[in-house]
Amino acid sequence: MTTQTSQSPAPASGVQGSHHWILTLELPGRAAATQYGTWNPHPGATRSDVFLAIRQEISRRHPELSSAVVSFFSLEPNQL
C-alpha cells in the first residue's frame, strides 16, 4: 500500500488559515493518501461543512480519490 502526503496551497500572502486540518483517504488494498493544510471556515460553518468542503476540493484535484474511504480526519484551531 502506498502512502502519499501533500499540502494544500498556502493562502495568499503567506497567511495561514484559522484552522489546521489533516485528512487520510484510503483505496483499500491499493493506496492511502494523507493530505493536510489550513482553512478559513465561513462564519457559521460547522465541522461537517468544513469536512465536506475539504473532501470535495481533494476529489476535484484528485478524481481517483473521489471513492476513497476516509480513515482519519482532524480539524482544530491553528494556534498553540
C-alpha atoms as a PDB file:
ATOM      1  CA  MET A   1       0.000   0.000   0.000  1.00  0.00           C
ATOM      2  CA  THR A   2       1.340   3.459  -0.904  1.00  0.00           C
ATOM      3  CA  THR A   3       1.080   6.483   1.353  1.00  0.00           C
ATOM      4  CA  GLN A   4       1.252   9.964  -0.119  1.00  0.00           C
ATOM      5  CA  THR A   5       1.407  13.250   1.751  1.00  0.00           C
ATOM      6  CA  SER A   6       0.609  16.612   0.256  1.00  0.00           C
ATOM      7  CA  GLN A   7      -0.448  20.051   1.383  1.00  0.00           C
ATOM      8  CA  SER A   8      -2.999  22.479   0.052  1.00  0.00           C
ATOM      9  CA  PRO A   9      -1.502  25.612  -1.413  1.00  0.00           C
ATOM     10  CA  ALA A  10      -0.777  28.191   1.263  1.00  0.00           C
ATOM     11  CA  PRO A  11      -3.240  31.069   1.407  1.00  0.00           C
ATOM     12  CA  ALA A  12      -2.143  34.273  -0.343  1.00  0.00           C
ATOM     13  CA  SER A  13       0.488  36.458   1.328  1.00  0.00           C
ATOM     14  CA  GLY A  14       1.790  33.546   3.394  1.00  0.00           C
ATOM     15  CA  VAL A  15      -1.067  33.986   5.867  1.00  0.00           C
ATOM     16  CA  GLN A  16      -2.264  30.709   7.314  1.00  0.00           C
ATOM     17  CA  GLY A  17      -5.876  29.740   7.800  1.00  0.00           C
ATOM     18  CA  SER A  18      -7.562  29.844  11.187  1.00  0.00           C
ATOM     19  CA  HIS A  19      -7.849  26.029  11.346  1.00  0.00           C
ATOM     20  CA  HIS A  20      -5.439  23.187  10.563  1.00  0.00           C
ATOM     21  CA  TRP A  21      -6.787  20.003   9.009  1.00  0.00           C
ATOM     22  CA  ILE A  22      -5.490  16.510   8.257  1.00  0.00           C
ATOM     23  CA  LEU A  23      -7.385  14.017   6.097  1.00  0.00           C
ATOM     24  CA  THR A  24      -6.359  10.455   5.249  1.00  0.00           C
ATOM     25  CA  LEU A  25      -8.165   8.717   2.425  1.00  0.00           C
ATOM     26  CA  GLU A  26      -7.769   5.063   1.540  1.00  0.00           C
ATOM     27  CA  LEU A  27      -8.476   2.976  -1.503  1.00  0.00           C
ATOM     28  CA  PRO A  28      -8.490  -0.399   0.307  1.00  0.00           C
ATOM     29  CA  GLY A  29      -5.746  -2.690  -0.906  1.00  0.00           C
ATOM     30  CA  ARG A  30      -4.459  -0.092  -3.377  1.00  0.00           C
ATOM     31  CA  ALA A  31      -3.317   3.164  -1.803  1.00  0.00           C
ATOM     32  CA  ALA A  32      -3.660   5.633   1.029  1.00  0.00           C
ATOM     33  CA  ALA A  33      -3.171   9.393   0.836  1.00  0.00           C
ATOM     34  CA  THR A  34      -2.772  11.823   3.718  1.00  0.00           C
ATOM     35  CA  GLN A  35      -3.242  15.493   2.965  1.00  0.00           C
ATOM     36  CA  TYR A  36      -3.127  18.500   5.255  1.00  0.00           C
ATOM     37  CA  GLY A  37      -3.367  22.251   5.200  1.00  0.00           C
ATOM     38  CA  THR A  38      -5.084  25.234   6.724  1.00  0.00           C
ATOM     39  CA  TRP A  39      -8.609  26.510   6.192  1.00  0.00           C
ATOM     40  CA  ASN A  40     -10.659  29.611   6.944  1.00  0.00           C
ATOM     41  CA  PRO A  41     -14.225  28.445   7.572  1.00  0.00           C
ATOM     42  CA  HIS A  42     -17.040  30.764   6.570  1.00  0.00           C
ATOM     43  CA  PRO A  43     -18.824  32.418   9.518  1.00  0.00           C
ATOM     44  CA  GLY A  44     -21.365  29.986  10.944  1.00  0.00           C
ATOM     45  CA  ALA A  45     -19.770  26.958   9.241  1.00  0.00           C
ATOM     46  CA  THR A  46     -19.888  23.657  11.081  1.00  0.00           C
ATOM     47  CA  ARG A  47     -17.194  20.999  11.336  1.00  0.00           C
ATOM     48  CA  SER A  48     -19.274  18.942   8.899  1.00  0.00           C
ATOM     49  CA  ASP A  49     -19.408  21.836   6.416  1.00  0.00           C
ATOM     50  CA  VAL A  50     -15.615  22.145   6.505  1.00  0.00           C
ATOM     51  CA  PHE A  51     -15.105  18.378   6.170  1.00  0.00           C
ATOM     52  CA  LEU A  52     -17.381  18.232   3.124  1.00  0.00           C
ATOM     53  CA  ALA A  53     -15.702  21.274   1.529  1.00  0.00           C
ATOM     54  CA  ILE A  54     -12.209  19.813   2.027  1.00  0.00           C
ATOM     55  CA  ARG A  55     -13.307  16.398   0.786  1.00  0.00           C
ATOM     56  CA  GLN A  56     -14.880  17.990  -2.300  1.00  0.00           C
ATOM     57  CA  GLU A  57     -11.733  20.016  -3.019  1.00  0.00           C
ATOM     58  CA  ILE A  58      -9.499  16.945  -2.757  1.00  0.00           C
ATOM     59  CA  SER A  59     -11.847  14.976  -5.051  1.00  0.00           C
ATOM     60  CA  ARG A  60     -11.768  17.845  -7.546  1.00  0.00           C
ATOM     61  CA  ARG A  61      -7.959  17.873  -7.570  1.00  0.00           C
ATOM     62  CA  HIS A  62      -7.568  14.083  -7.418  1.00  0.00           C
ATOM     63  CA  PRO A  63     -10.602  12.422  -9.044  1.00  0.00           C
ATOM     64  CA  GLU A  64      -9.116   8.983  -8.377  1.00  0.00           C
ATOM     65  CA  LEU A  65      -9.741   9.602  -4.651  1.00  0.00           C
ATOM     66  CA  SER A  66     -13.423  10.504  -5.022  1.00  0.00           C
ATOM     67  CA  SER A  67     -14.492   6.977  -3.995  1.00  0.00           C
ATOM     68  CA  ALA A  68     -11.848   6.591  -1.278  1.00  0.00           C
ATOM     69  CA  VAL A  69     -12.748   5.732   2.313  1.00  0.00           C
ATOM     70  CA  VAL A  70     -11.976   8.319   4.991  1.00  0.00           C
ATOM     71  CA  SER A  71      -9.759   6.705   7.610  1.00  0.00           C
ATOM     72  CA  PHE A  72      -8.813   9.871   9.529  1.00  0.00           C
ATOM     73  CA  PHE A  73      -9.984  13.488   9.773  1.00  0.00           C
ATOM     74  CA  SER A  74      -8.890  16.199  12.171  1.00  0.00           C
ATOM     75  CA  LEU A  75      -9.833  19.869  12.245  1.00  0.00           C
ATOM     76  CA  GLU A  76      -8.508  22.095  15.018  1.00  0.00           C
ATOM     77  CA  PRO A  77      -7.792  25.767  15.624  1.00  0.00           C
ATOM     78  CA  ASN A  78      -4.438  26.666  14.065  1.00  0.00           C
ATOM     79  CA  GLN A  79      -2.848  28.106  17.191  1.00  0.00           C
ATOM     80  CA  LEU A  80      -0.739  26.806  20.066  1.00  0.00           C
END
